[in-house]
N, C-alpha and C. Protein backbone atom coordinates (compact mmCIF):
# COMPACT_ATOMS: atom_id res chain seq x y z
N MET A 1 27.67 54.99 8.30
CA MET A 1 27.60 54.03 7.20
C MET A 1 27.77 54.77 5.88
N ASN A 2 28.47 54.17 4.94
CA ASN A 2 28.72 54.76 3.62
C ASN A 2 27.40 54.89 2.87
N SER A 3 27.09 56.09 2.37
CA SER A 3 25.83 56.30 1.66
C SER A 3 25.95 56.08 0.16
N ALA A 4 27.16 55.83 -0.36
CA ALA A 4 27.34 55.65 -1.80
C ALA A 4 26.52 54.49 -2.36
N PRO A 5 26.47 53.33 -1.70
CA PRO A 5 25.66 52.23 -2.25
C PRO A 5 24.17 52.59 -2.33
N ALA A 6 23.67 53.22 -1.30
CA ALA A 6 22.25 53.62 -1.31
C ALA A 6 22.02 54.67 -2.39
N GLU A 7 22.96 55.59 -2.56
CA GLU A 7 22.82 56.61 -3.60
C GLU A 7 22.81 55.97 -4.98
N PHE A 8 23.64 54.95 -5.18
CA PHE A 8 23.61 54.23 -6.46
C PHE A 8 22.20 53.68 -6.71
N LEU A 9 21.59 53.05 -5.70
CA LEU A 9 20.26 52.47 -5.88
C LEU A 9 19.20 53.56 -6.09
N ARG A 10 19.42 54.73 -5.53
CA ARG A 10 18.47 55.84 -5.74
C ARG A 10 18.51 56.37 -7.16
N THR A 11 19.63 56.17 -7.85
CA THR A 11 19.77 56.75 -9.19
C THR A 11 19.86 55.71 -10.32
N ALA A 12 19.99 54.44 -9.98
CA ALA A 12 20.07 53.41 -11.02
C ALA A 12 18.76 53.36 -11.80
N PRO A 13 18.83 53.06 -13.07
CA PRO A 13 17.59 53.01 -13.86
C PRO A 13 16.70 51.85 -13.42
N ILE A 14 15.41 52.12 -13.36
CA ILE A 14 14.45 51.06 -13.07
C ILE A 14 14.59 50.01 -14.17
N GLY A 15 14.65 48.75 -13.79
CA GLY A 15 14.84 47.66 -14.74
C GLY A 15 16.27 47.16 -14.80
N ALA A 16 17.22 47.93 -14.22
CA ALA A 16 18.62 47.50 -14.21
C ALA A 16 18.76 46.25 -13.34
N ARG A 17 19.68 45.39 -13.71
CA ARG A 17 19.99 44.20 -12.89
C ARG A 17 21.05 44.63 -11.88
N VAL A 18 20.73 44.46 -10.60
CA VAL A 18 21.60 44.94 -9.53
C VAL A 18 21.77 43.85 -8.47
N VAL A 19 22.80 44.06 -7.66
CA VAL A 19 22.94 43.28 -6.43
C VAL A 19 23.11 44.29 -5.31
N ALA A 20 22.38 44.04 -4.22
CA ALA A 20 22.47 44.92 -3.05
C ALA A 20 22.74 44.04 -1.83
N ARG A 21 23.78 44.38 -1.10
CA ARG A 21 24.06 43.70 0.17
C ARG A 21 23.54 44.62 1.27
N TYR A 22 22.73 44.04 2.16
CA TYR A 22 22.13 44.84 3.22
C TYR A 22 22.10 44.04 4.51
N LEU A 23 21.90 44.75 5.62
CA LEU A 23 21.91 44.13 6.93
C LEU A 23 20.50 43.79 7.38
N LEU A 24 20.35 42.58 7.90
CA LEU A 24 19.09 42.15 8.51
C LEU A 24 19.03 42.70 9.93
N GLU A 25 17.86 42.58 10.56
CA GLU A 25 17.72 43.05 11.94
C GLU A 25 18.68 42.34 12.89
N THR A 26 19.09 41.13 12.56
CA THR A 26 20.02 40.36 13.40
C THR A 26 21.46 40.86 13.27
N GLY A 27 21.70 41.73 12.29
CA GLY A 27 23.06 42.21 12.03
C GLY A 27 23.77 41.41 10.95
N GLN A 28 23.17 40.30 10.52
CA GLN A 28 23.75 39.50 9.44
C GLN A 28 23.51 40.21 8.11
N ALA A 29 24.44 40.02 7.19
CA ALA A 29 24.30 40.59 5.86
C ALA A 29 23.69 39.56 4.92
N THR A 30 22.90 40.03 3.98
CA THR A 30 22.32 39.18 2.95
C THR A 30 22.30 39.97 1.65
N ASP A 31 22.10 39.27 0.55
CA ASP A 31 22.11 39.90 -0.77
C ASP A 31 20.76 39.78 -1.45
N ALA A 32 20.44 40.77 -2.24
CA ALA A 32 19.30 40.72 -3.15
C ALA A 32 19.86 40.92 -4.55
N LEU A 33 19.70 39.91 -5.40
CA LEU A 33 20.20 39.95 -6.78
C LEU A 33 19.01 39.85 -7.72
N GLY A 34 18.86 40.86 -8.55
CA GLY A 34 17.75 40.82 -9.50
C GLY A 34 17.55 42.17 -10.16
N TYR A 35 16.33 42.42 -10.58
CA TYR A 35 16.00 43.61 -11.35
C TYR A 35 15.34 44.65 -10.47
N LEU A 36 15.84 45.87 -10.53
CA LEU A 36 15.29 46.97 -9.77
C LEU A 36 13.92 47.31 -10.34
N ARG A 37 12.89 47.19 -9.51
CA ARG A 37 11.52 47.38 -9.99
C ARG A 37 10.89 48.69 -9.56
N SER A 38 11.22 49.17 -8.35
CA SER A 38 10.66 50.45 -7.91
C SER A 38 11.49 50.97 -6.74
N ARG A 39 11.23 52.21 -6.38
CA ARG A 39 11.91 52.81 -5.23
C ARG A 39 11.11 53.99 -4.74
N ASP A 40 11.34 54.32 -3.47
CA ASP A 40 10.85 55.57 -2.90
C ASP A 40 12.00 56.15 -2.09
N ASP A 41 11.72 57.09 -1.23
CA ASP A 41 12.81 57.76 -0.50
C ASP A 41 13.54 56.82 0.46
N GLU A 42 12.89 55.75 0.92
CA GLU A 42 13.48 54.89 1.95
C GLU A 42 13.71 53.45 1.54
N HIS A 43 13.12 53.00 0.41
CA HIS A 43 13.17 51.59 0.03
C HIS A 43 13.45 51.43 -1.46
N VAL A 44 13.95 50.26 -1.81
CA VAL A 44 13.97 49.81 -3.21
C VAL A 44 13.33 48.42 -3.24
N VAL A 45 12.75 48.09 -4.37
CA VAL A 45 12.18 46.76 -4.57
C VAL A 45 12.96 46.10 -5.68
N ILE A 46 13.52 44.93 -5.37
CA ILE A 46 14.32 44.16 -6.32
C ILE A 46 13.61 42.85 -6.58
N GLU A 47 13.37 42.55 -7.86
CA GLU A 47 12.73 41.29 -8.23
C GLU A 47 13.81 40.22 -8.33
N THR A 48 13.81 39.28 -7.39
CA THR A 48 14.78 38.20 -7.35
C THR A 48 14.13 36.91 -7.82
N LYS A 49 14.89 35.84 -7.88
CA LYS A 49 14.33 34.54 -8.25
C LYS A 49 13.29 34.08 -7.24
N ARG A 50 13.42 34.56 -5.99
CA ARG A 50 12.49 34.17 -4.92
C ARG A 50 11.24 35.04 -4.89
N GLY A 51 11.24 36.13 -5.63
CA GLY A 51 10.11 37.06 -5.61
C GLY A 51 10.61 38.47 -5.36
N LEU A 52 9.69 39.34 -4.95
CA LEU A 52 10.04 40.73 -4.71
C LEU A 52 10.68 40.88 -3.34
N ASP A 53 11.79 41.60 -3.28
CA ASP A 53 12.53 41.82 -2.04
C ASP A 53 12.57 43.33 -1.81
N THR A 54 11.94 43.79 -0.74
CA THR A 54 11.96 45.20 -0.39
C THR A 54 13.12 45.45 0.55
N VAL A 55 14.01 46.34 0.14
CA VAL A 55 15.24 46.62 0.89
C VAL A 55 15.19 48.05 1.41
N VAL A 56 15.44 48.21 2.71
CA VAL A 56 15.51 49.54 3.32
C VAL A 56 16.86 50.14 2.96
N LEU A 57 16.85 51.30 2.32
CA LEU A 57 18.10 51.91 1.85
C LEU A 57 19.08 52.18 2.99
N ALA A 58 18.60 52.48 4.17
CA ALA A 58 19.49 52.76 5.29
C ALA A 58 20.29 51.54 5.73
N THR A 59 19.87 50.34 5.31
CA THR A 59 20.58 49.11 5.70
C THR A 59 21.54 48.63 4.63
N VAL A 60 21.59 49.29 3.48
CA VAL A 60 22.43 48.84 2.36
C VAL A 60 23.90 49.17 2.65
N ILE A 61 24.76 48.15 2.52
CA ILE A 61 26.19 48.36 2.76
C ILE A 61 27.02 48.25 1.48
N ALA A 62 26.43 47.69 0.41
CA ALA A 62 27.11 47.60 -0.88
C ALA A 62 26.06 47.40 -1.95
N ALA A 63 26.33 47.94 -3.14
CA ALA A 63 25.40 47.76 -4.26
C ALA A 63 26.12 48.09 -5.55
N LYS A 64 25.73 47.38 -6.60
CA LYS A 64 26.30 47.67 -7.92
C LYS A 64 25.41 47.07 -8.99
N GLN A 65 25.60 47.55 -10.21
CA GLN A 65 24.92 46.98 -11.36
C GLN A 65 25.69 45.73 -11.79
N VAL A 66 24.97 44.72 -12.24
CA VAL A 66 25.61 43.47 -12.66
C VAL A 66 25.13 43.11 -14.06
N PRO A 67 25.93 42.32 -14.79
CA PRO A 67 25.53 41.94 -16.15
C PRO A 67 24.35 40.97 -16.14
N PRO A 68 23.74 40.79 -17.31
CA PRO A 68 22.64 39.83 -17.41
C PRO A 68 23.11 38.44 -17.00
N PRO A 69 22.16 37.60 -16.56
CA PRO A 69 22.55 36.24 -16.19
C PRO A 69 23.01 35.47 -17.41
N PRO A 70 23.87 34.48 -17.20
CA PRO A 70 24.31 33.67 -18.34
C PRO A 70 23.14 32.85 -18.88
N PRO A 71 23.20 32.47 -20.15
CA PRO A 71 22.12 31.64 -20.70
C PRO A 71 22.13 30.27 -20.01
N PRO A 72 20.98 29.62 -19.97
CA PRO A 72 20.92 28.30 -19.35
C PRO A 72 21.87 27.33 -20.07
N ARG A 73 22.52 26.50 -19.28
CA ARG A 73 23.42 25.51 -19.87
C ARG A 73 22.61 24.33 -20.37
N ALA A 74 23.04 23.80 -21.49
CA ALA A 74 22.40 22.59 -21.99
C ALA A 74 22.86 21.44 -21.12
N GLY A 75 21.94 20.81 -20.49
CA GLY A 75 22.28 19.71 -19.60
C GLY A 75 22.41 18.40 -20.35
N ARG A 76 22.80 17.40 -19.62
CA ARG A 76 22.86 16.08 -20.22
C ARG A 76 21.44 15.61 -20.49
N PRO A 77 21.26 14.82 -21.52
CA PRO A 77 19.90 14.33 -21.83
C PRO A 77 19.38 13.47 -20.68
N ILE A 78 18.09 13.54 -20.48
CA ILE A 78 17.45 12.73 -19.45
C ILE A 78 17.22 11.34 -20.02
N LEU A 79 17.75 10.36 -19.35
CA LEU A 79 17.56 8.98 -19.78
C LEU A 79 16.35 8.41 -19.08
N ARG A 80 15.48 7.84 -19.86
CA ARG A 80 14.24 7.27 -19.28
C ARG A 80 14.29 5.76 -19.49
N ALA A 81 13.82 5.07 -18.49
CA ALA A 81 13.82 3.60 -18.54
C ALA A 81 12.62 3.09 -19.29
């Protein structure tokens, strides 16, 4: 497996907004998109909209830094009866 994505996560600044694609035990891939909060030799913790996601670095198949999220869009006004 390519170690470049895991190496990126090992050296990215804490607080950076990242996306990491990693493999689940079933072999399916999933993504964690959010802010890098901590790391050790084997794991990174990414704060996503769903909460904290602990990712095993050995399962990471792709990773990169991403720009900040876009500002919330102004929605249509809520009409009340």
